[in-house]
Amino acid sequence: MLVKEYRICMPLTTEEYRVGQLYTISKHSHQESEKGEGVEVVKNEPHEDPVHGPGQFTEKRVHLSSKLPSWARAVTPRIFYITEKAWNYYPYTITADSRSLQCSFLPKFSIYIETKYEDNCGDSENIFHSDKILGDHEVSFLDIAFDEIPERYYRSLEDPRFFSSAKTGRGPLREGWRQHTKPIMCSYKLVSVKFEVWGLQTRVEQFVHKVIRDILLIGHRQAFAWVDEWCGMTMEEVRRYEQETQEATNELIGLVAPAISVSEVGQPAATHS
């Protein structure tokens, strides 16, 4: 199992990012979806947890076939999807629980992500106090302005080095911006990837972490670059936008019969806290 902790700072408050995150995920999913590919939302409903309190549960089917590298497509079905389940008790979330993100043809593959959001520049140590992690794990700071993303995803209008918000006056971000920018918040993400197949374990686990790193950078860059679109929205307004966008995205993807079955599990136990 390969475990890494990613810390991604944003020139926002955690309360602002709560709205911005929902808006960005919905808009990005719709932009990246096409017939038979993309993110299909199966469930998106309120959920009450005895430990974390009120939150939101989502279940998504991520249709991936054409987006895999050639070596991965060679060992997977032509059409398939992965089920992603998430429990959002903002500012704490559980995403892609290792018991729910599993494919029948990859029974020994799992991803587990815990996220916490705080109003600081990423200087909280041992924020997860996780008993699932044995020994030290790597901590990586991701800079939304100066870390590279894949060229095919680069958009100059979404580059924090050049973007300036008309509504908030924030940006562009200069070298060393994390040390002097106010407000500032940090997304702490503890990501565990496990692929217990001899000869492929290291390669697959490292590849998945590379993909997750790129997704985190792109998503956080967009949340900042689109701030003038979602700034000022209430939770009710962004939830309505989310619902409308999800319906449009599902229609765009269309109904695709999966070539494999995906395991179904219940909510993770409260011990995740």
C-alpha atoms as a PDB file:
ATOM      1  CA  MET A   1       0.000   0.000   0.000  1.00  0.00           C
ATOM      2  CA  LEU A   2       1.309   3.436  -0.954  1.00  0.00           C
ATOM      3  CA  VAL A   3       0.177   6.267   1.355  1.00  0.00           C
ATOM      4  CA  LYS A   4       0.707   9.965   0.728  1.00  0.00           C
ATOM      5  CA  GLU A   5      -0.646  13.110   2.316  1.00  0.00           C
ATOM      6  CA  TYR A   6      -1.322  16.017  -0.020  1.00  0.00           C
ATOM      7  CA  ARG A   7      -1.689  19.595   1.209  1.00  0.00           C
ATOM      8  CA  ILE A   8      -3.212  22.111  -1.211  1.00  0.00           C
ATOM      9  CA  CYS A   9      -3.549  25.743  -0.146  1.00  0.00           C
ATOM     10  CA  MET A  10      -6.110  28.153  -1.597  1.00  0.00           C
ATOM     11  CA  PRO A  11      -6.564  31.954  -1.313  1.00  0.00           C
ATOM     12  CA  LEU A  12     -10.016  31.340   0.160  1.00  0.00           C
ATOM     13  CA  THR A  13     -11.666  30.610   3.499  1.00  0.00           C
ATOM     14  CA  THR A  14     -12.953  27.128   4.268  1.00  0.00           C
ATOM     15  CA  GLU A  15     -16.525  28.460   4.207  1.00  0.00           C
ATOM     16  CA  GLU A  16     -15.976  29.962   0.752  1.00  0.00           C
ATOM     17  CA  TYR A  17     -14.416  26.754  -0.523  1.00  0.00           C
ATOM     18  CA  ARG A  18     -17.412  24.745   0.674  1.00  0.00           C
ATOM     19  CA  VAL A  19     -19.505  26.417  -2.032  1.00  0.00           C
ATOM     20  CA  GLY A  20     -16.678  26.626  -4.552  1.00  0.00           C
ATOM     21  CA  GLN A  21     -15.900  22.920  -4.292  1.00  0.00           C
ATOM     22  CA  LEU A  22     -19.491  21.865  -5.041  1.00  0.00           C
ATOM     23  CA  TYR A  23     -19.731  24.279  -7.953  1.00  0.00           C
ATOM     24  CA  THR A  24     -16.381  23.237  -9.416  1.00  0.00           C
ATOM     25  CA  ILE A  25     -16.988  19.487  -9.194  1.00  0.00           C
ATOM     26  CA  SER A  26     -20.349  19.832 -10.932  1.00  0.00           C
ATOM     27  CA  LYS A  27     -19.102  22.105 -13.701  1.00  0.00           C
ATOM     28  CA  HIS A  28     -15.909  20.119 -14.302  1.00  0.00           C
ATOM     29  CA  SER A  29     -17.775  16.784 -14.435  1.00  0.00           C
ATOM     30  CA  HIS A  30     -20.139  18.194 -17.035  1.00  0.00           C
ATOM     31  CA  GLN A  31     -17.308  19.633 -19.142  1.00  0.00           C
ATOM     32  CA  GLU A  32     -15.379  16.348 -19.132  1.00  0.00           C
ATOM     33  CA  SER A  33     -18.350  14.130 -19.936  1.00  0.00           C
ATOM     34  CA  GLU A  34     -19.392  12.862 -23.319  1.00  0.00           C
ATOM     35  CA  LYS A  35     -21.536  10.027 -24.679  1.00  0.00           C
ATOM     36  CA  GLY A  36     -20.670   6.949 -22.658  1.00  0.00           C
ATOM     37  CA  GLU A  37     -17.809   8.583 -20.757  1.00  0.00           C
ATOM     38  CA  GLY A  38     -17.591  10.792 -17.692  1.00  0.00           C
ATOM     39  CA  VAL A  39     -19.116  10.960 -14.232  1.00  0.00           C
ATOM     40  CA  GLU A  40     -22.671   9.721 -13.735  1.00  0.00           C
ATOM     41  CA  VAL A  41     -24.350  10.700 -10.463  1.00  0.00           C
ATOM     42  CA  VAL A  42     -26.437   7.851  -9.037  1.00  0.00           C
ATOM     43  CA  LYS A  43     -27.254   9.310  -5.613  1.00  0.00           C
ATOM     44  CA  ASN A  44     -26.863  12.700  -3.979  1.00  0.00           C
ATOM     45  CA  GLU A  45     -28.809  12.957  -0.757  1.00  0.00           C
ATOM     46  CA  PRO A  46     -28.602  14.226   2.844  1.00  0.00           C
ATOM     47  CA  HIS A  47     -27.095  11.804   5.348  1.00  0.00           C
ATOM     48  CA  GLU A  48     -26.906  11.793   9.141  1.00  0.00           C
ATOM     49  CA  ASP A  49     -23.915  10.260  10.919  1.00  0.00           C
ATOM     50  CA  PRO A  50     -23.895   9.531  14.674  1.00  0.00           C
ATOM     51  CA  VAL A  51     -20.331  10.831  14.992  1.00  0.00           C
ATOM     52  CA  HIS A  52     -19.972  13.550  12.353  1.00  0.00           C
ATOM     53  CA  GLY A  53     -23.549  14.810  12.306  1.00  0.00           C
ATOM     54  CA  PRO A  54     -25.457  15.977   9.205  1.00  0.00           C
ATOM     55  CA  GLY A  55     -23.773  15.606   5.850  1.00  0.00           C
ATOM     56  CA  GLN A  56     -24.263  14.618   2.236  1.00  0.00           C
ATOM     57  CA  PHE A  57     -23.868  11.178   0.645  1.00  0.00           C
ATOM     58  CA  THR A  58     -23.035  10.822  -3.043  1.00  0.00           C
ATOM     59  CA  GLU A  59     -22.597   7.788  -5.240  1.00  0.00           C
ATOM     60  CA  LYS A  60     -21.072   8.206  -8.668  1.00  0.00           C
ATOM     61  CA  ARG A  61     -20.165   5.927 -11.537  1.00  0.00           C
ATOM     62  CA  VAL A  62     -16.923   7.011 -13.156  1.00  0.00           C
ATOM     63  CA  HIS A  63     -16.853   5.729 -16.753  1.00  0.00           C
ATOM     64  CA  LEU A  64     -13.193   5.431 -17.671  1.00  0.00           C
ATOM     65  CA  SER A  65     -12.579   3.115 -20.631  1.00  0.00           C
ATOM     66  CA  SER A  66     -10.918   5.507 -23.099  1.00  0.00           C
ATOM     67  CA  LYS A  67      -9.065   7.459 -20.401  1.00  0.00           C
ATOM     68  CA  LEU A  68      -6.814   4.596 -19.254  1.00  0.00           C
ATOM     69  CA  PRO A  69      -3.204   4.213 -20.456  1.00  0.00           C
ATOM     70  CA  SER A  70      -2.577   1.521 -23.051  1.00  0.00           C
ATOM     71  CA  TRP A  71      -1.024  -0.934 -20.584  1.00  0.00           C
ATOM     72  CA  ALA A  72      -4.124  -0.669 -18.355  1.00  0.00           C
ATOM     73  CA  ARG A  73      -6.610  -1.003 -21.232  1.00  0.00           C
ATOM     74  CA  ALA A  74      -4.915  -4.237 -22.195  1.00  0.00           C
ATOM     75  CA  VAL A  75      -6.062  -5.936 -18.974  1.00  0.00           C
ATOM     76  CA  THR A  76      -9.485  -4.325 -18.466  1.00  0.00           C
ATOM     77  CA  PRO A  77     -12.861  -4.766 -20.179  1.00  0.00           C
ATOM     78  CA  ARG A  78     -13.662  -2.486 -23.111  1.00  0.00           C
ATOM     79  CA  ILE A  79     -16.475  -0.753 -21.194  1.00  0.00           C
ATOM     80  CA  PHE A  80     -16.576  -0.489 -17.440  1.00  0.00           C
ATOM     81  CA  TYR A  81     -17.123   1.918 -14.604  1.00  0.00           C
ATOM     82  CA  ILE A  82     -15.923   2.325 -11.042  1.00  0.00           C
ATOM     83  CA  THR A  83     -18.294   3.193  -8.241  1.00  0.00           C
ATOM     84  CA  GLU A  84     -17.186   6.101  -6.065  1.00  0.00           C
ATOM     85  CA  LYS A  85     -18.964   6.739  -2.783  1.00  0.00           C
ATOM     86  CA  ALA A  86     -18.392   9.793  -0.620  1.00  0.00           C
ATOM     87  CA  TRP A  87     -19.602  10.989   2.755  1.00  0.00           C
ATOM     88  CA  ASN A  88     -19.248  14.757   3.111  1.00  0.00           C
ATOM     89  CA  TYR A  89     -19.345  16.096   6.673  1.00  0.00           C
ATOM     90  CA  TYR A  90     -17.611  19.336   5.786  1.00  0.00           C
ATOM     91  CA  PRO A  91     -14.939  20.221   6.809  1.00  0.00           C
ATOM     92  CA  TYR A  92     -14.263  16.456   6.977  1.00  0.00           C
ATOM     93  CA  THR A  93     -14.984  14.052   4.132  1.00  0.00           C
ATOM     94  CA  ILE A  94     -14.491  10.388   3.295  1.00  0.00           C
ATOM     95  CA  THR A  95     -14.115   9.629  -0.409  1.00  0.00           C
ATOM     96  CA  ALA A  96     -13.640   6.440  -2.389  1.00  0.00           C
ATOM     97  CA  ASP A  97     -13.832   4.152   0.629  1.00  0.00           C
ATOM     98  CA  SER A  98     -11.615   1.145   0.062  1.00  0.00           C
ATOM     99  CA  ARG A  99     -14.544  -1.212   0.424  1.00  0.00           C
ATOM    100  CA  SER A 100     -16.721   0.589  -2.101  1.00  0.00           C
ATOM    101  CA  LEU A 101     -14.232   1.510  -4.828  1.00  0.00           C
ATOM    102  CA  GLN A 102     -13.581  -1.996  -6.110  1.00  0.00           C
ATOM    103  CA  CYS A 103     -13.996  -3.654  -9.496  1.00  0.00           C
ATOM    104  CA  SER A 104     -14.745  -7.342  -9.865  1.00  0.00           C
ATOM    105  CA  PHE A 105     -11.851  -7.857 -12.264  1.00  0.00           C
ATOM    106  CA  LEU A 106      -9.466  -6.001  -9.909  1.00  0.00           C
ATOM    107  CA  PRO A 107     -10.422  -7.433  -6.528  1.00  0.00           C
ATOM    108  CA  LYS A 108      -7.156  -6.392  -4.900  1.00  0.00           C
ATOM    109  CA  PHE A 109      -7.312  -2.733  -5.945  1.00  0.00           C
ATOM    110  CA  SER A 110      -8.583  -0.084  -3.534  1.00  0.00           C
ATOM    111  CA  ILE A 111      -8.371   3.629  -2.834  1.00  0.00           C
ATOM    112  CA  TYR A 112      -9.181   5.409   0.397  1.00  0.00           C
ATOM    113  CA  ILE A 113      -9.165   9.192   0.816  1.00  0.00           C
ATOM    114  CA  GLU A 114      -9.741  11.249   3.937  1.00  0.00           C
ATOM    115  CA  THR A 115      -9.940  15.035   3.668  1.00  0.00           C
ATOM    116  CA  LYS A 116      -9.894  17.823   6.237  1.00  0.00           C
ATOM    117  CA  TYR A 117     -10.128  21.541   5.532  1.00  0.00           C
ATOM    118  CA  GLU A 118      -8.625  24.196   7.801  1.00  0.00           C
ATOM    119  CA  ASP A 119      -8.024  27.947   7.679  1.00  0.00           C
ATOM    120  CA  ASN A 120      -4.226  27.867   7.663  1.00  0.00           C
ATOM    121  CA  CYS A 121      -1.285  27.589   5.255  1.00  0.00           C
ATOM    122  CA  GLY A 122      -0.841  23.832   5.619  1.00  0.00           C
ATOM    123  CA  ASP A 123       1.175  23.828   8.827  1.00  0.00           C
ATOM    124  CA  SER A 124      -1.013  21.481  10.899  1.00  0.00           C
ATOM    125  CA  GLU A 125       0.957  18.341  11.717  1.00  0.00           C
ATOM    126  CA  ASN A 126      -0.552  14.865  12.117  1.00  0.00           C
ATOM    127  CA  ILE A 127      -3.978  16.274  11.396  1.00  0.00           C
ATOM    128  CA  PHE A 128      -5.534  12.856  10.789  1.00  0.00           C
ATOM    129  CA  HIS A 129      -4.234  10.970  13.853  1.00  0.00           C
ATOM    130  CA  SER A 130      -4.819   7.887  11.742  1.00  0.00           C
ATOM    131  CA  ASP A 131      -4.456   4.417  13.217  1.00  0.00           C
ATOM    132  CA  LYS A 132      -4.632   2.983   9.681  1.00  0.00           C
ATOM    133  CA  ILE A 133      -1.162   4.267   8.842  1.00  0.00           C
ATOM    134  CA  LEU A 134       1.843   2.305  10.052  1.00  0.00           C
ATOM    135  CA  GLY A 135       5.013   4.380  10.183  1.00  0.00           C
ATOM    136  CA  ASP A 136       5.716   7.662   8.429  1.00  0.00           C
ATOM    137  CA  HIS A 137       4.116   8.685   5.168  1.00  0.00           C
ATOM    138  CA  GLU A 138       5.172  11.199   2.552  1.00  0.00           C
ATOM    139  CA  VAL A 139       3.742  14.724   2.793  1.00  0.00           C
ATOM    140  CA  SER A 140       3.546  16.684  -0.476  1.00  0.00           C
ATOM    141  CA  PHE A 141       2.614  20.351  -0.774  1.00  0.00           C
ATOM    142  CA  LEU A 142       0.853  21.039  -4.084  1.00  0.00           C
ATOM    143  CA  ASP A 143       1.103  24.610  -5.378  1.00  0.00           C
ATOM    144  CA  ILE A 144      -1.914  25.512  -7.521  1.00  0.00           C
ATOM    145  CA  ALA A 145       0.050  28.313  -9.194  1.00  0.00           C
ATOM    146  CA  PHE A 146       3.497  26.879  -9.868  1.00  0.00           C
ATOM    147  CA  ASP A 147       3.198  23.071  -9.974  1.00  0.00           C
ATOM    148  CA  GLU A 148       2.863  21.695 -13.494  1.00  0.00           C
ATOM    149  CA  ILE A 149      -0.267  19.965 -14.753  1.00  0.00           C
ATOM    150  CA  PRO A 150      -0.625  17.835 -17.910  1.00  0.00           C
ATOM    151  CA  GLU A 151      -0.460  20.087 -20.964  1.00  0.00           C
ATOM    152  CA  ARG A 152      -3.809  18.874 -22.321  1.00  0.00           C
ATOM    153  CA  TYR A 153      -5.544  20.287 -19.226  1.00  0.00           C
ATOM    154  CA  TYR A 154      -3.824  23.662 -19.235  1.00  0.00           C
ATOM    155  CA  ARG A 155      -6.035  26.718 -19.788  1.00  0.00           C
ATOM    156  CA  SER A 156      -4.462  30.181 -19.627  1.00  0.00           C
ATOM    157  CA  LEU A 157      -7.697  31.631 -18.210  1.00  0.00           C
ATOM    158  CA  GLU A 158      -7.438  29.145 -15.319  1.00  0.00           C
ATOM    159  CA  ASP A 159      -3.769  29.859 -14.553  1.00  0.00           C
ATOM    160  CA  PRO A 160      -3.548  31.363 -11.011  1.00  0.00           C
ATOM    161  CA  ARG A 161      -0.341  33.178 -12.032  1.00  0.00           C
ATOM    162  CA  PHE A 162      -2.384  35.366 -14.374  1.00  0.00           C
ATOM    163  CA  PHE A 163      -5.958  35.204 -13.062  1.00  0.00           C
ATOM    164  CA  SER A 164      -7.356  38.123 -11.092  1.00  0.00           C
ATOM    165  CA  SER A 165     -10.806  37.970  -9.491  1.00  0.00           C
ATOM    166  CA  ALA A 166     -13.062  40.925 -10.258  1.00  0.00           C
ATOM    167  CA  LYS A 167     -15.336  40.179  -7.287  1.00  0.00           C
ATOM    168  CA  THR A 168     -12.779  39.416  -4.579  1.00  0.00           C
ATOM    169  CA  GLY A 169      -9.691  41.258  -5.839  1.00  0.00           C
ATOM    170  CA  ARG A 170      -7.565  38.158  -5.233  1.00  0.00           C
ATOM    171  CA  GLY A 171      -4.838  37.071  -7.599  1.00  0.00           C
ATOM    172  CA  PRO A 172      -2.723  36.768  -9.538  1.00  0.00           C
ATOM    173  CA  LEU A 173      -0.594  34.529  -7.308  1.00  0.00           C
ATOM    174  CA  ARG A 174       3.134  35.253  -7.148  1.00  0.00           C
ATOM    175  CA  GLU A 175       6.088  33.200  -5.951  1.00  0.00           C
ATOM    176  CA  GLY A 176       5.809  32.561  -2.210  1.00  0.00           C
ATOM    177  CA  TRP A 177       2.118  33.482  -2.168  1.00  0.00           C
ATOM    178  CA  ARG A 178       1.322  30.977   0.610  1.00  0.00           C
ATOM    179  CA  GLN A 179       3.422  32.934   3.105  1.00  0.00           C
ATOM    180  CA  HIS A 180       1.697  36.302   2.671  1.00  0.00           C
ATOM    181  CA  THR A 181      -1.772  35.706   1.195  1.00  0.00           C
ATOM    182  CA  LYS A 182      -4.883  36.358   3.284  1.00  0.00           C
ATOM    183  CA  PRO A 183      -7.313  34.670   3.536  1.00  0.00           C
ATOM    184  CA  ILE A 184      -5.781  31.242   3.105  1.00  0.00           C
ATOM    185  CA  MET A 185      -7.031  27.707   3.688  1.00  0.00           C
ATOM    186  CA  CYS A 186      -5.651  24.229   3.145  1.00  0.00           C
ATOM    187  CA  SER A 187      -7.082  20.955   1.905  1.00  0.00           C
ATOM    188  CA  TYR A 188      -5.382  18.088   3.747  1.00  0.00           C
ATOM    189  CA  LYS A 189      -5.848  14.801   1.887  1.00  0.00           C
ATOM    190  CA  LEU A 190      -4.631  11.449   3.144  1.00  0.00           C
ATOM    191  CA  VAL A 191      -4.622   9.085   0.158  1.00  0.00           C
ATOM    192  CA  SER A 192      -4.066   5.322   0.434  1.00  0.00           C
ATOM    193  CA  VAL A 193      -3.734   3.241  -2.741  1.00  0.00           C
ATOM    194  CA  LYS A 194      -3.466  -0.522  -2.617  1.00  0.00           C
ATOM    195  CA  PHE A 195      -2.953  -2.924  -5.530  1.00  0.00           C
ATOM    196  CA  GLU A 196      -1.808  -6.332  -4.311  1.00  0.00           C
ATOM    197  CA  VAL A 197      -0.751  -7.962  -7.551  1.00  0.00           C
ATOM    198  CA  TRP A 198       2.806  -9.210  -7.781  1.00  0.00           C
ATOM    199  CA  GLY A 199       4.838  -7.520 -10.500  1.00  0.00           C
ATOM    200  CA  LEU A 200       2.392  -4.636 -10.939  1.00  0.00           C
ATOM    201  CA  GLN A 201       1.867  -3.295  -7.425  1.00  0.00           C
ATOM    202  CA  THR A 202       4.472  -0.519  -7.428  1.00  0.00           C
ATOM    203  CA  ARG A 203       3.715   0.599 -10.968  1.00  0.00           C
ATOM    204  CA  VAL A 204      -0.039   0.773 -10.482  1.00  0.00           C
ATOM    205  CA  GLU A 205       0.093   2.449  -7.064  1.00  0.00           C
ATOM    206  CA  GLN A 206       2.515   5.108  -8.301  1.00  0.00           C
ATOM    207  CA  PHE A 207       0.418   5.692 -11.441  1.00  0.00           C
ATOM    208  CA  VAL A 208      -2.788   6.130  -9.430  1.00  0.00           C
ATOM    209  CA  HIS A 209      -1.096   8.634  -7.116  1.00  0.00           C
ATOM    210  CA  LYS A 210       0.129  10.578 -10.162  1.00  0.00           C
ATOM    211  CA  VAL A 211      -3.437  10.715 -11.499  1.00  0.00           C
ATOM    212  CA  ILE A 212      -4.809  11.807  -8.121  1.00  0.00           C
ATOM    213  CA  ARG A 213      -2.156  14.516  -7.838  1.00  0.00           C
ATOM    214  CA  ASP A 214      -3.093  15.912 -11.248  1.00  0.00           C
ATOM    215  CA  ILE A 215      -6.823  15.802 -10.435  1.00  0.00           C
ATOM    216  CA  LEU A 216      -6.263  17.663  -7.161  1.00  0.00           C
ATOM    217  CA  LEU A 217      -4.207  20.383  -8.819  1.00  0.00           C
ATOM    218  CA  ILE A 218      -6.650  20.866 -11.694  1.00  0.00           C
ATOM    219  CA  GLY A 219      -9.699  20.922  -9.433  1.00  0.00           C
ATOM    220  CA  HIS A 220      -8.253  23.450  -6.990  1.00  0.00           C
ATOM    221  CA  ARG A 221      -6.965  25.682  -9.801  1.00  0.00           C
ATOM    222  CA  GLN A 222     -10.425  25.727 -11.346  1.00  0.00           C
ATOM    223  CA  ALA A 223     -12.137  26.450  -8.033  1.00  0.00           C
ATOM    224  CA  PHE A 224     -10.050  29.614  -7.737  1.00  0.00           C
ATOM    225  CA  ALA A 225     -10.250  30.588 -11.420  1.00  0.00           C
ATOM    226  CA  TRP A 226     -14.052  30.233 -11.362  1.00  0.00           C
ATOM    227  CA  VAL A 227     -14.471  32.138  -8.085  1.00  0.00           C
ATOM    228  CA  ASP A 228     -16.350  35.003  -9.779  1.00  0.00           C
ATOM    229  CA  GLU A 229     -18.932  32.473 -11.005  1.00  0.00           C
ATOM    230  CA  TRP A 230     -19.746  30.964  -7.603  1.00  0.00           C
ATOM    231  CA  CYS A 231     -18.780  33.746  -5.192  1.00  0.00           C
ATOM    232  CA  GLY A 232     -21.895  34.940  -3.363  1.00  0.00           C
ATOM    233  CA  MET A 233     -23.917  31.784  -3.974  1.00  0.00           C
ATOM    234  CA  THR A 234     -25.729  30.333  -0.970  1.00  0.00           C
ATOM    235  CA  MET A 235     -25.645  26.612  -0.164  1.00  0.00           C
ATOM    236  CA  GLU A 236     -29.224  26.345  -1.428  1.00  0.00           C
ATOM    237  CA  GLU A 237     -28.259  27.983  -4.715  1.00  0.00           C
ATOM    238  CA  VAL A 238     -25.174  25.839  -5.266  1.00  0.00           C
ATOM    239  CA  ARG A 239     -27.120  22.667  -4.412  1.00  0.00           C
ATOM    240  CA  ARG A 240     -29.710  23.662  -7.014  1.00  0.00           C
ATOM    241  CA  TYR A 241     -26.939  24.289  -9.558  1.00  0.00           C
ATOM    242  CA  GLU A 242     -25.421  20.936  -8.623  1.00  0.00           C
ATOM    243  CA  GLN A 243     -28.723  19.112  -9.203  1.00  0.00           C
ATOM    244  CA  GLU A 244     -29.376  20.786 -12.555  1.00  0.00           C
ATOM    245  CA  THR A 245     -25.847  20.148 -13.766  1.00  0.00           C
ATOM    246  CA  GLN A 246     -25.907  16.510 -12.661  1.00  0.00           C
ATOM    247  CA  GLU A 247     -29.119  15.889 -14.572  1.00  0.00           C
ATOM    248  CA  ALA A 248     -27.598  17.449 -17.693  1.00  0.00           C
ATOM    249  CA  THR A 249     -24.402  15.416 -17.260  1.00  0.00           C
ATOM    250  CA  ASN A 250     -26.251  12.116 -16.826  1.00  0.00           C
ATOM    251  CA  GLU A 251     -28.233  12.838 -19.971  1.00  0.00           C
ATOM    252  CA  LEU A 252     -25.034  13.647 -21.849  1.00  0.00           C
ATOM    253  CA  ILE A 253     -23.357  10.410 -20.780  1.00  0.00           C
ATOM    254  CA  GLY A 254     -26.408   8.281 -21.605  1.00  0.00           C
ATOM    255  CA  LEU A 255     -27.215   4.856 -20.269  1.00  0.00           C
ATOM    256  CA  VAL A 256     -24.331   2.436 -20.812  1.00  0.00           C
ATOM    257  CA  ALA A 257     -24.628  -1.196 -19.804  1.00  0.00           C
ATOM    258  CA  PRO A 258     -21.556  -2.075 -17.691  1.00  0.00           C
ATOM    259  CA  ALA A 259     -19.416  -4.974 -18.733  1.00  0.00           C
ATOM    260  CA  ILE A 260     -18.564  -5.792 -15.115  1.00  0.00           C
ATOM    261  CA  SER A 261     -20.282  -5.727 -11.776  1.00  0.00           C
ATOM    262  CA  VAL A 262     -19.229  -3.319  -9.072  1.00  0.00           C
ATOM    263  CA  SER A 263     -19.310  -4.243  -5.412  1.00  0.00           C
ATOM    264  CA  GLU A 264     -21.950  -2.554  -3.270  1.00  0.00           C
ATOM    265  CA  VAL A 265     -21.327  -1.825   0.396  1.00  0.00           C
ATOM    266  CA  GLY A 266     -22.897   0.242   3.113  1.00  0.00           C
ATOM    267  CA  GLN A 267     -21.690   3.345   4.879  1.00  0.00           C
ATOM    268  CA  PRO A 268     -18.226   3.169   6.467  1.00  0.00           C
ATOM    269  CA  ALA A 269     -18.193   2.623  10.201  1.00  0.00           C
ATOM    270  CA  ALA A 270     -17.945   5.556  12.570  1.00  0.00           C
ATOM    271  CA  THR A 271     -14.420   4.435  13.485  1.00  0.00           C
ATOM    272  CA  HIS A 272     -13.201   6.299  10.393  1.00  0.00           C
ATOM    273  CA  SER A 273     -13.190   9.384  12.547  1.00  0.00           C
END
